[in-house]
All heavy atoms as atom14 arrays in JSON, in Angstrom:
{
  "sequence": "AQRGGVGLVSYFRKEGRALGEVTKFLVYNARKRQVGGDTADQY",
  "atom14_mask": [
    [1, 1, 1, 1, 1, 0, 0, 0, 0, 0, 0, 0, 0, 0],
    [1, 1, 1, 1, 1, 1, 1, 1, 1, 0, 0, 0, 0, 0],
    [1, 1, 1, 1, 1, 1, 1, 1, 1, 1, 1, 0, 0, 0],
    [1, 1, 1, 1, 0, 0, 0, 0, 0, 0, 0, 0, 0, 0],
    [1, 1, 1, 1, 0, 0, 0, 0, 0, 0, 0, 0, 0, 0],
    [1, 1, 1, 1, 1, 1, 1, 0, 0, 0, 0, 0, 0, 0],
    [1, 1, 1, 1, 0, 0, 0, 0, 0, 0, 0, 0, 0, 0],
    [1, 1, 1, 1, 1, 1, 1, 1, 0, 0, 0, 0, 0, 0],
    [1, 1, 1, 1, 1, 1, 1, 0, 0, 0, 0, 0, 0, 0],
    [1, 1, 1, 1, 1, 1, 0, 0, 0, 0, 0, 0, 0, 0],
    [1, 1, 1, 1, 1, 1, 1, 1, 1, 1, 1, 1, 0, 0],
    [1, 1, 1, 1, 1, 1, 1, 1, 1, 1, 1, 0, 0, 0],
    [1, 1, 1, 1, 1, 1, 1, 1, 1, 1, 1, 0, 0, 0],
    [1, 1, 1, 1, 1, 1, 1, 1, 1, 0, 0, 0, 0, 0],
    [1, 1, 1, 1, 1, 1, 1, 1, 1, 0, 0, 0, 0, 0],
    [1, 1, 1, 1, 0, 0, 0, 0, 0, 0, 0, 0, 0, 0],
    [1, 1, 1, 1, 1, 1, 1, 1, 1, 1, 1, 0, 0, 0],
    [1, 1, 1, 1, 1, 0, 0, 0, 0, 0, 0, 0, 0, 0],
    [1, 1, 1, 1, 1, 1, 1, 1, 0, 0, 0, 0, 0, 0],
    [1, 1, 1, 1, 0, 0, 0, 0, 0, 0, 0, 0, 0, 0],
    [1, 1, 1, 1, 1, 1, 1, 1, 1, 0, 0, 0, 0, 0],
    [1, 1, 1, 1, 1, 1, 1, 0, 0, 0, 0, 0, 0, 0],
    [1, 1, 1, 1, 1, 1, 1, 0, 0, 0, 0, 0, 0, 0],
    [1, 1, 1, 1, 1, 1, 1, 1, 1, 0, 0, 0, 0, 0],
    [1, 1, 1, 1, 1, 1, 1, 1, 1, 1, 1, 0, 0, 0],
    [1, 1, 1, 1, 1, 1, 1, 1, 0, 0, 0, 0, 0, 0],
    [1, 1, 1, 1, 1, 1, 1, 0, 0, 0, 0, 0, 0, 0],
    [1, 1, 1, 1, 1, 1, 1, 1, 1, 1, 1, 1, 0, 0],
    [1, 1, 1, 1, 1, 1, 1, 1, 0, 0, 0, 0, 0, 0],
    [1, 1, 1, 1, 1, 0, 0, 0, 0, 0, 0, 0, 0, 0],
    [1, 1, 1, 1, 1, 1, 1, 1, 1, 1, 1, 0, 0, 0],
    [1, 1, 1, 1, 1, 1, 1, 1, 1, 0, 0, 0, 0, 0],
    [1, 1, 1, 1, 1, 1, 1, 1, 1, 1, 1, 0, 0, 0],
    [1, 1, 1, 1, 1, 1, 1, 1, 1, 0, 0, 0, 0, 0],
    [1, 1, 1, 1, 1, 1, 1, 0, 0, 0, 0, 0, 0, 0],
    [1, 1, 1, 1, 0, 0, 0, 0, 0, 0, 0, 0, 0, 0],
    [1, 1, 1, 1, 0, 0, 0, 0, 0, 0, 0, 0, 0, 0],
    [1, 1, 1, 1, 1, 1, 1, 1, 0, 0, 0, 0, 0, 0],
    [1, 1, 1, 1, 1, 1, 1, 0, 0, 0, 0, 0, 0, 0],
    [1, 1, 1, 1, 1, 0, 0, 0, 0, 0, 0, 0, 0, 0],
    [1, 1, 1, 1, 1, 1, 1, 1, 0, 0, 0, 0, 0, 0],
    [1, 1, 1, 1, 1, 1, 1, 1, 1, 0, 0, 0, 0, 0],
    [1, 1, 1, 1, 1, 1, 1, 1, 1, 1, 1, 1, 0, 0]
  ],
  "atom14_positions": [
    [[-16.51, -17.41, 11.94], [-17.91, -17.74, 11.7], [-18.2, -19.2, 11.98], [-19.27, -19.55, 12.5], [-18.29, -17.37, 10.26], [0.0, 0.0, 0.0], [0.0, 0.0, 0.0], [0.0, 0.0, 0.0], [0.0, 0.0, 0.0], [0.0, 0.0, 0.0], [0.0, 0.0, 0.0], [0.0, 0.0, 0.0], [0.0, 0.0, 0.0], [0.0, 0.0, 0.0]],
    [[-17.24, -20.07, 11.67], [-17.43, -21.49, 11.93], [-17.41, -21.81, 13.43], [-17.97, -22.83, 13.86], [-16.36, -22.31, 11.2], [-16.53, -22.32, 9.68], [-15.48, -23.14, 8.98], [-14.34, -23.25, 9.43], [-15.84, -23.74, 7.87], [0.0, 0.0, 0.0], [0.0, 0.0, 0.0], [0.0, 0.0, 0.0], [0.0, 0.0, 0.0], [0.0, 0.0, 0.0]],
    [[-16.79, -20.94, 14.21], [-16.81, -21.12, 15.67], [-18.12, -20.63, 16.28], [-18.3, -20.66, 17.49], [-15.64, -20.37, 16.31], [-14.27, -20.98, 16.06], [-13.21, -20.37, 16.97], [-13.02, -18.95, 16.75], [-12.1, -18.43, 15.93], [-11.3, -19.24, 15.23], [-11.99, -17.12, 15.8], [0.0, 0.0, 0.0], [0.0, 0.0, 0.0], [0.0, 0.0, 0.0]],
    [[-19.02, -20.16, 15.45], [-20.28, -19.61, 15.95], [-20.3, -18.1, 16.0], [-21.27, -17.5, 16.48], [0.0, 0.0, 0.0], [0.0, 0.0, 0.0], [0.0, 0.0, 0.0], [0.0, 0.0, 0.0], [0.0, 0.0, 0.0], [0.0, 0.0, 0.0], [0.0, 0.0, 0.0], [0.0, 0.0, 0.0], [0.0, 0.0, 0.0], [0.0, 0.0, 0.0]],
    [[-19.23, -17.47, 15.49], [-19.16, -16.01, 15.47], [-19.57, -15.45, 14.12], [-20.33, -16.05, 13.36], [0.0, 0.0, 0.0], [0.0, 0.0, 0.0], [0.0, 0.0, 0.0], [0.0, 0.0, 0.0], [0.0, 0.0, 0.0], [0.0, 0.0, 0.0], [0.0, 0.0, 0.0], [0.0, 0.0, 0.0], [0.0, 0.0, 0.0], [0.0, 0.0, 0.0]],
    [[-19.07, -14.28, 13.82], [-19.37, -13.6, 12.56], [-18.11, -12.88, 12.1], [-17.29, -12.44, 12.92], [-20.55, -12.62, 12.73], [-20.23, -11.55, 13.76], [-20.95, -11.97, 11.41], [0.0, 0.0, 0.0], [0.0, 0.0, 0.0], [0.0, 0.0, 0.0], [0.0, 0.0, 0.0], [0.0, 0.0, 0.0], [0.0, 0.0, 0.0], [0.0, 0.0, 0.0]],
    [[-17.91, -12.82, 10.79], [-16.74, -12.16, 10.22], [-17.14, -11.0, 9.31], [-18.21, -11.03, 8.7], [0.0, 0.0, 0.0], [0.0, 0.0, 0.0], [0.0, 0.0, 0.0], [0.0, 0.0, 0.0], [0.0, 0.0, 0.0], [0.0, 0.0, 0.0], [0.0, 0.0, 0.0], [0.0, 0.0, 0.0], [0.0, 0.0, 0.0], [0.0, 0.0, 0.0]],
    [[-16.27, -10.0, 9.23], [-16.56, -8.82, 8.42], [-15.29, -8.31, 7.76], [-14.27, -8.11, 8.42], [-17.15, -7.71, 9.28], [-17.29, -6.33, 8.61], [-18.36, -6.35, 7.52], [-17.6, -5.24, 9.64], [0.0, 0.0, 0.0], [0.0, 0.0, 0.0], [0.0, 0.0, 0.0], [0.0, 0.0, 0.0], [0.0, 0.0, 0.0], [0.0, 0.0, 0.0]],
    [[-15.34, -8.1, 6.45], [-14.3, -7.39, 5.72], [-14.94, -6.15, 5.12], [-15.88, -6.25, 4.33], [-13.66, -8.25, 4.62], [-12.7, -7.41, 3.78], [-12.92, -9.44, 5.23], [0.0, 0.0, 0.0], [0.0, 0.0, 0.0], [0.0, 0.0, 0.0], [0.0, 0.0, 0.0], [0.0, 0.0, 0.0], [0.0, 0.0, 0.0], [0.0, 0.0, 0.0]],
    [[-14.43, -4.99, 5.5], [-14.92, -3.72, 4.99], [-13.86, -3.18, 4.03], [-12.75, -2.86, 4.45], [-15.17, -2.74, 6.15], [-15.7, -1.53, 5.68], [0.0, 0.0, 0.0], [0.0, 0.0, 0.0], [0.0, 0.0, 0.0], [0.0, 0.0, 0.0], [0.0, 0.0, 0.0], [0.0, 0.0, 0.0], [0.0, 0.0, 0.0], [0.0, 0.0, 0.0]],
    [[-14.22, -3.07, 2.76], [-13.26, -2.76, 1.7], [-13.53, -1.35, 1.16], [-14.54, -1.1, 0.52], [-13.38, -3.8, 0.59], [-12.27, -3.79, -0.43], [-11.16, -4.62, -0.28], [-12.32, -2.98, -1.55], [-10.15, -4.65, -1.23], [-11.32, -2.99, -2.5], [-10.23, -3.83, -2.34], [-9.22, -3.84, -3.29], [0.0, 0.0, 0.0], [0.0, 0.0, 0.0]],
    [[-12.6, -0.44, 1.41], [-12.74, 0.96, 1.01], [-11.95, 1.25, -0.26], [-10.82, 0.78, -0.43], [-12.23, 1.9, 2.12], [-13.14, 2.01, 3.3], [-13.13, 1.05, 4.29], [-14.01, 3.08, 3.43], [-13.97, 1.15, 5.39], [-14.85, 3.19, 4.52], [-14.83, 2.22, 5.5], [0.0, 0.0, 0.0], [0.0, 0.0, 0.0], [0.0, 0.0, 0.0]],
    [[-12.56, 2.06, -1.15], [-11.86, 2.47, -2.37], [-10.98, 3.68, -2.07], [-11.35, 4.83, -2.28], [-12.87, 2.8, -3.48], [-13.74, 1.7, -3.97], [-13.09, 0.34, -4.03], [-13.84, -0.66, -4.73], [-14.78, -1.43, -4.17], [-15.12, -1.27, -2.89], [-15.39, -2.35, -4.89], [0.0, 0.0, 0.0], [0.0, 0.0, 0.0], [0.0, 0.0, 0.0]],
    [[-9.8, 3.41, -1.57], [-8.82, 4.45, -1.24], [-7.48, 4.05, -1.83], [-6.48, 3.88, -1.13], [-8.69, 4.63, 0.28], [-9.94, 5.1, 1.0], [-9.67, 5.2, 2.49], [-10.89, 5.64, 3.26], [-10.61, 5.65, 4.75], [0.0, 0.0, 0.0], [0.0, 0.0, 0.0], [0.0, 0.0, 0.0], [0.0, 0.0, 0.0], [0.0, 0.0, 0.0]],
    [[-7.46, 3.86, -3.14], [-6.28, 3.35, -3.82], [-5.02, 4.16, -3.5], [-5.03, 5.4, -3.52], [-6.52, 3.36, -5.33], [-5.31, 2.96, -6.18], [-4.87, 1.52, -5.91], [-5.69, 0.61, -6.12], [-3.71, 1.33, -5.5], [0.0, 0.0, 0.0], [0.0, 0.0, 0.0], [0.0, 0.0, 0.0], [0.0, 0.0, 0.0], [0.0, 0.0, 0.0]],
    [[-3.93, 3.43, -3.2], [-2.64, 4.07, -2.97], [-2.64, 5.03, -1.8], [-2.09, 6.13, -1.92], [0.0, 0.0, 0.0], [0.0, 0.0, 0.0], [0.0, 0.0, 0.0], [0.0, 0.0, 0.0], [0.0, 0.0, 0.0], [0.0, 0.0, 0.0], [0.0, 0.0, 0.0], [0.0, 0.0, 0.0], [0.0, 0.0, 0.0], [0.0, 0.0, 0.0]],
    [[-3.23, 4.59, -0.67], [-3.34, 5.48, 0.51], [-4.15, 6.73, 0.19], [-3.88, 7.82, 0.69], [-1.97, 5.87, 1.05], [-1.13, 4.71, 1.53], [0.16, 5.21, 2.13], [1.06, 4.09, 2.41], [2.33, 4.21, 2.69], [2.88, 5.41, 2.74], [3.07, 3.14, 2.92], [0.0, 0.0, 0.0], [0.0, 0.0, 0.0], [0.0, 0.0, 0.0]],
    [[-5.14, 6.59, -0.69], [-5.98, 7.67, -1.17], [-5.18, 8.71, -1.96], [-5.65, 9.83, -2.18], [-6.76, 8.34, -0.03], [0.0, 0.0, 0.0], [0.0, 0.0, 0.0], [0.0, 0.0, 0.0], [0.0, 0.0, 0.0], [0.0, 0.0, 0.0], [0.0, 0.0, 0.0], [0.0, 0.0, 0.0], [0.0, 0.0, 0.0], [0.0, 0.0, 0.0]],
    [[-3.98, 8.34, -2.4], [-3.16, 9.21, -3.24], [-3.36, 8.91, -4.72], [-2.98, 9.7, -5.58], [-1.67, 9.05, -2.89], [-1.27, 9.36, -1.44], [0.15, 8.9, -1.17], [-1.41, 10.85, -1.16], [0.0, 0.0, 0.0], [0.0, 0.0, 0.0], [0.0, 0.0, 0.0], [0.0, 0.0, 0.0], [0.0, 0.0, 0.0], [0.0, 0.0, 0.0]],
    [[-3.93, 7.75, -5.02], [-4.15, 7.33, -6.4], [-3.03, 6.44, -6.9], [-1.9, 6.44, -6.38], [0.0, 0.0, 0.0], [0.0, 0.0, 0.0], [0.0, 0.0, 0.0], [0.0, 0.0, 0.0], [0.0, 0.0, 0.0], [0.0, 0.0, 0.0], [0.0, 0.0, 0.0], [0.0, 0.0, 0.0], [0.0, 0.0, 0.0], [0.0, 0.0, 0.0]],
    [[-3.34, 5.68, -7.94], [-2.38, 4.69, -8.43], [-1.24, 5.32, -9.21], [-0.12, 4.79, -9.2], [-3.11, 3.65, -9.3], [-2.39, 2.34, -9.39], [-3.22, 1.22, -9.96], [-4.09, 1.49, -10.83], [-3.02, 0.07, -9.57], [0.0, 0.0, 0.0], [0.0, 0.0, 0.0], [0.0, 0.0, 0.0], [0.0, 0.0, 0.0], [0.0, 0.0, 0.0]],
    [[-1.46, 6.43, -9.9], [-0.37, 7.1, -10.59], [0.69, 7.55, -9.6], [1.89, 7.29, -9.78], [-0.88, 8.29, -11.43], [0.29, 9.14, -11.93], [-1.73, 7.81, -12.6], [0.0, 0.0, 0.0], [0.0, 0.0, 0.0], [0.0, 0.0, 0.0], [0.0, 0.0, 0.0], [0.0, 0.0, 0.0], [0.0, 0.0, 0.0], [0.0, 0.0, 0.0]],
    [[0.24, 8.22, -8.54], [1.18, 8.65, -7.51], [1.9, 7.45, -6.9], [3.11, 7.49, -6.64], [0.45, 9.44, -6.41], [-0.08, 10.64, -6.98], [1.38, 9.79, -5.25], [0.0, 0.0, 0.0], [0.0, 0.0, 0.0], [0.0, 0.0, 0.0], [0.0, 0.0, 0.0], [0.0, 0.0, 0.0], [0.0, 0.0, 0.0], [0.0, 0.0, 0.0]],
    [[1.18, 6.37, -6.65], [1.79, 5.18, -6.06], [2.9, 4.62, -6.94], [3.97, 4.28, -6.45], [0.72, 4.11, -5.81], [1.26, 2.86, -5.13], [0.16, 1.97, -4.6], [-0.59, 1.28, -5.68], [-1.55, 0.26, -5.12], [0.0, 0.0, 0.0], [0.0, 0.0, 0.0], [0.0, 0.0, 0.0], [0.0, 0.0, 0.0], [0.0, 0.0, 0.0]],
    [[2.66, 4.55, -8.24], [3.68, 4.02, -9.14], [4.87, 4.96, -9.24], [6.02, 4.51, -9.38], [3.09, 3.77, -10.52], [2.16, 2.59, -10.6], [1.77, 1.9, -9.46], [1.65, 2.17, -11.82], [0.9, 0.82, -9.53], [0.79, 1.09, -11.9], [0.41, 0.42, -10.75], [0.0, 0.0, 0.0], [0.0, 0.0, 0.0], [0.0, 0.0, 0.0]],
    [[4.64, 6.27, -9.19], [5.75, 7.22, -9.17], [6.62, 6.99, -7.93], [7.86, 7.04, -8.01], [5.21, 8.65, -9.16], [4.45, 9.13, -10.41], [3.89, 10.53, -10.18], [5.35, 9.12, -11.64], [0.0, 0.0, 0.0], [0.0, 0.0, 0.0], [0.0, 0.0, 0.0], [0.0, 0.0, 0.0], [0.0, 0.0, 0.0], [0.0, 0.0, 0.0]],
    [[5.98, 6.73, -6.81], [6.71, 6.45, -5.57], [7.51, 5.16, -5.71], [8.66, 5.08, -5.27], [5.75, 6.38, -4.37], [6.48, 5.9, -3.12], [5.12, 7.75, -4.1], [0.0, 0.0, 0.0], [0.0, 0.0, 0.0], [0.0, 0.0, 0.0], [0.0, 0.0, 0.0], [0.0, 0.0, 0.0], [0.0, 0.0, 0.0], [0.0, 0.0, 0.0]],
    [[6.92, 4.14, -6.31], [7.65, 2.89, -6.53], [8.94, 3.16, -7.3], [10.02, 2.66, -6.94], [6.8, 1.9, -7.33], [5.67, 1.26, -6.58], [4.69, 0.53, -7.27], [5.54, 1.37, -5.21], [3.64, -0.08, -6.61], [4.49, 0.77, -4.53], [3.54, 0.05, -5.24], [2.49, -0.55, -4.58], [0.0, 0.0, 0.0], [0.0, 0.0, 0.0]],
    [[8.85, 3.95, -8.38], [10.04, 4.26, -9.17], [11.07, 5.01, -8.34], [12.27, 4.71, -8.4], [9.66, 5.09, -10.4], [9.0, 4.27, -11.48], [9.05, 3.04, -11.47], [8.38, 4.95, -12.45], [0.0, 0.0, 0.0], [0.0, 0.0, 0.0], [0.0, 0.0, 0.0], [0.0, 0.0, 0.0], [0.0, 0.0, 0.0], [0.0, 0.0, 0.0]],
    [[10.61, 5.99, -7.57], [11.53, 6.78, -6.74], [12.23, 5.91, -5.7], [13.42, 6.07, -5.44], [10.77, 7.92, -6.06], [0.0, 0.0, 0.0], [0.0, 0.0, 0.0], [0.0, 0.0, 0.0], [0.0, 0.0, 0.0], [0.0, 0.0, 0.0], [0.0, 0.0, 0.0], [0.0, 0.0, 0.0], [0.0, 0.0, 0.0], [0.0, 0.0, 0.0]],
    [[11.5, 4.98, -5.09], [12.08, 4.08, -4.1], [13.16, 3.19, -4.73], [14.22, 2.97, -4.15], [11.01, 3.21, -3.47], [10.14, 3.92, -2.46], [8.94, 3.05, -2.05], [9.35, 1.7, -1.63], [8.48, 0.71, -1.4], [7.17, 0.93, -1.56], [8.92, -0.48, -1.02], [0.0, 0.0, 0.0], [0.0, 0.0, 0.0], [0.0, 0.0, 0.0]],
    [[12.86, 2.65, -5.92], [13.77, 1.71, -6.56], [15.0, 2.39, -7.15], [16.06, 1.75, -7.28], [13.03, 0.94, -7.66], [11.81, 0.15, -7.2], [12.15, -1.0, -6.31], [10.92, -1.86, -5.99], [11.28, -3.01, -5.09], [0.0, 0.0, 0.0], [0.0, 0.0, 0.0], [0.0, 0.0, 0.0], [0.0, 0.0, 0.0], [0.0, 0.0, 0.0]],
    [[14.87, 3.66, -7.51], [15.98, 4.36, -8.18], [16.83, 5.21, -7.24], [17.87, 5.71, -7.64], [15.41, 5.27, -9.28], [14.93, 4.51, -10.5], [14.2, 5.45, -11.44], [13.85, 4.81, -12.71], [12.87, 5.21, -13.49], [12.12, 6.26, -13.12], [12.6, 4.57, -14.61], [0.0, 0.0, 0.0], [0.0, 0.0, 0.0], [0.0, 0.0, 0.0]],
    [[16.42, 5.41, -6.0], [17.18, 6.27, -5.11], [18.54, 5.67, -4.78], [18.76, 4.46, -4.88], [16.39, 6.51, -3.82], [16.19, 5.3, -2.95], [15.26, 5.56, -1.77], [15.08, 6.68, -1.34], [14.65, 4.51, -1.23], [0.0, 0.0, 0.0], [0.0, 0.0, 0.0], [0.0, 0.0, 0.0], [0.0, 0.0, 0.0], [0.0, 0.0, 0.0]],
    [[19.48, 6.54, -4.39], [20.81, 6.09, -3.99], [20.69, 5.12, -2.82], [20.03, 5.41, -1.83], [21.69, 7.29, -3.6], [23.04, 6.81, -3.1], [21.86, 8.24, -4.79], [0.0, 0.0, 0.0], [0.0, 0.0, 0.0], [0.0, 0.0, 0.0], [0.0, 0.0, 0.0], [0.0, 0.0, 0.0], [0.0, 0.0, 0.0], [0.0, 0.0, 0.0]],
    [[21.3, 3.96, -2.95], [21.22, 2.95, -1.91], [20.11, 1.95, -2.1], [20.01, 0.97, -1.35], [0.0, 0.0, 0.0], [0.0, 0.0, 0.0], [0.0, 0.0, 0.0], [0.0, 0.0, 0.0], [0.0, 0.0, 0.0], [0.0, 0.0, 0.0], [0.0, 0.0, 0.0], [0.0, 0.0, 0.0], [0.0, 0.0, 0.0], [0.0, 0.0, 0.0]],
    [[19.24, 2.2, -3.11], [18.17, 1.27, -3.39], [16.96, 1.45, -2.48], [16.86, 2.41, -1.71], [0.0, 0.0, 0.0], [0.0, 0.0, 0.0], [0.0, 0.0, 0.0], [0.0, 0.0, 0.0], [0.0, 0.0, 0.0], [0.0, 0.0, 0.0], [0.0, 0.0, 0.0], [0.0, 0.0, 0.0], [0.0, 0.0, 0.0], [0.0, 0.0, 0.0]],
    [[16.03, 0.52, -2.56], [14.77, 0.55, -1.83], [14.97, 0.03, -0.42], [15.02, -1.19, -0.19], [13.73, -0.29, -2.57], [12.34, -0.22, -1.95], [12.09, 0.66, -1.1], [11.49, -1.06, -2.32], [0.0, 0.0, 0.0], [0.0, 0.0, 0.0], [0.0, 0.0, 0.0], [0.0, 0.0, 0.0], [0.0, 0.0, 0.0], [0.0, 0.0, 0.0]],
    [[15.08, 0.93, 0.54], [15.32, 0.54, 1.92], [14.19, 1.04, 2.83], [13.52, 2.03, 2.53], [16.65, 1.1, 2.44], [16.65, 2.53, 2.31], [17.81, 0.5, 1.67], [0.0, 0.0, 0.0], [0.0, 0.0, 0.0], [0.0, 0.0, 0.0], [0.0, 0.0, 0.0], [0.0, 0.0, 0.0], [0.0, 0.0, 0.0], [0.0, 0.0, 0.0]],
    [[14.01, 0.35, 3.95], [12.92, 0.66, 4.87], [13.07, 2.03, 5.51], [12.07, 2.68, 5.84], [12.82, -0.42, 5.94], [0.0, 0.0, 0.0], [0.0, 0.0, 0.0], [0.0, 0.0, 0.0], [0.0, 0.0, 0.0], [0.0, 0.0, 0.0], [0.0, 0.0, 0.0], [0.0, 0.0, 0.0], [0.0, 0.0, 0.0], [0.0, 0.0, 0.0]],
    [[14.32, 2.48, 5.71], [14.51, 3.77, 6.38], [14.05, 4.94, 5.54], [13.81, 6.04, 6.05], [15.98, 3.94, 6.8], [16.93, 3.97, 5.61], [16.62, 3.36, 4.57], [18.01, 4.6, 5.72], [0.0, 0.0, 0.0], [0.0, 0.0, 0.0], [0.0, 0.0, 0.0], [0.0, 0.0, 0.0], [0.0, 0.0, 0.0], [0.0, 0.0, 0.0]],
    [[13.86, 4.75, 4.22], [13.39, 5.82, 3.34], [11.97, 5.57, 2.83], [11.48, 6.32, 1.99], [14.34, 5.96, 2.14], [15.74, 6.42, 2.51], [15.73, 7.8, 3.16], [15.06, 8.72, 2.69], [16.46, 7.96, 4.25], [0.0, 0.0, 0.0], [0.0, 0.0, 0.0], [0.0, 0.0, 0.0], [0.0, 0.0, 0.0], [0.0, 0.0, 0.0]],
    [[11.31, 4.54, 3.35], [10.02, 4.11, 2.83], [8.98, 5.24, 2.85], [8.36, 5.57, 1.84], [9.52, 2.91, 3.64], [8.14, 2.42, 3.28], [7.93, 1.61, 2.17], [7.04, 2.77, 4.06], [6.66, 1.16, 1.85], [5.76, 2.32, 3.75], [5.58, 1.52, 2.65], [4.32, 1.09, 2.33], [0.0, 0.0, 0.0], [0.0, 0.0, 0.0]]
  ]
}
């Protein structure tokens, strides 16, 4: 915007990939507790 343009942030209410925060926290626990720990190959 300072360069003479315009900026836009569009913020959607789609918490946790639209799965919801409860599901997201369950996934966090599963990732952290799985054999081998939280790794990218199982993300």
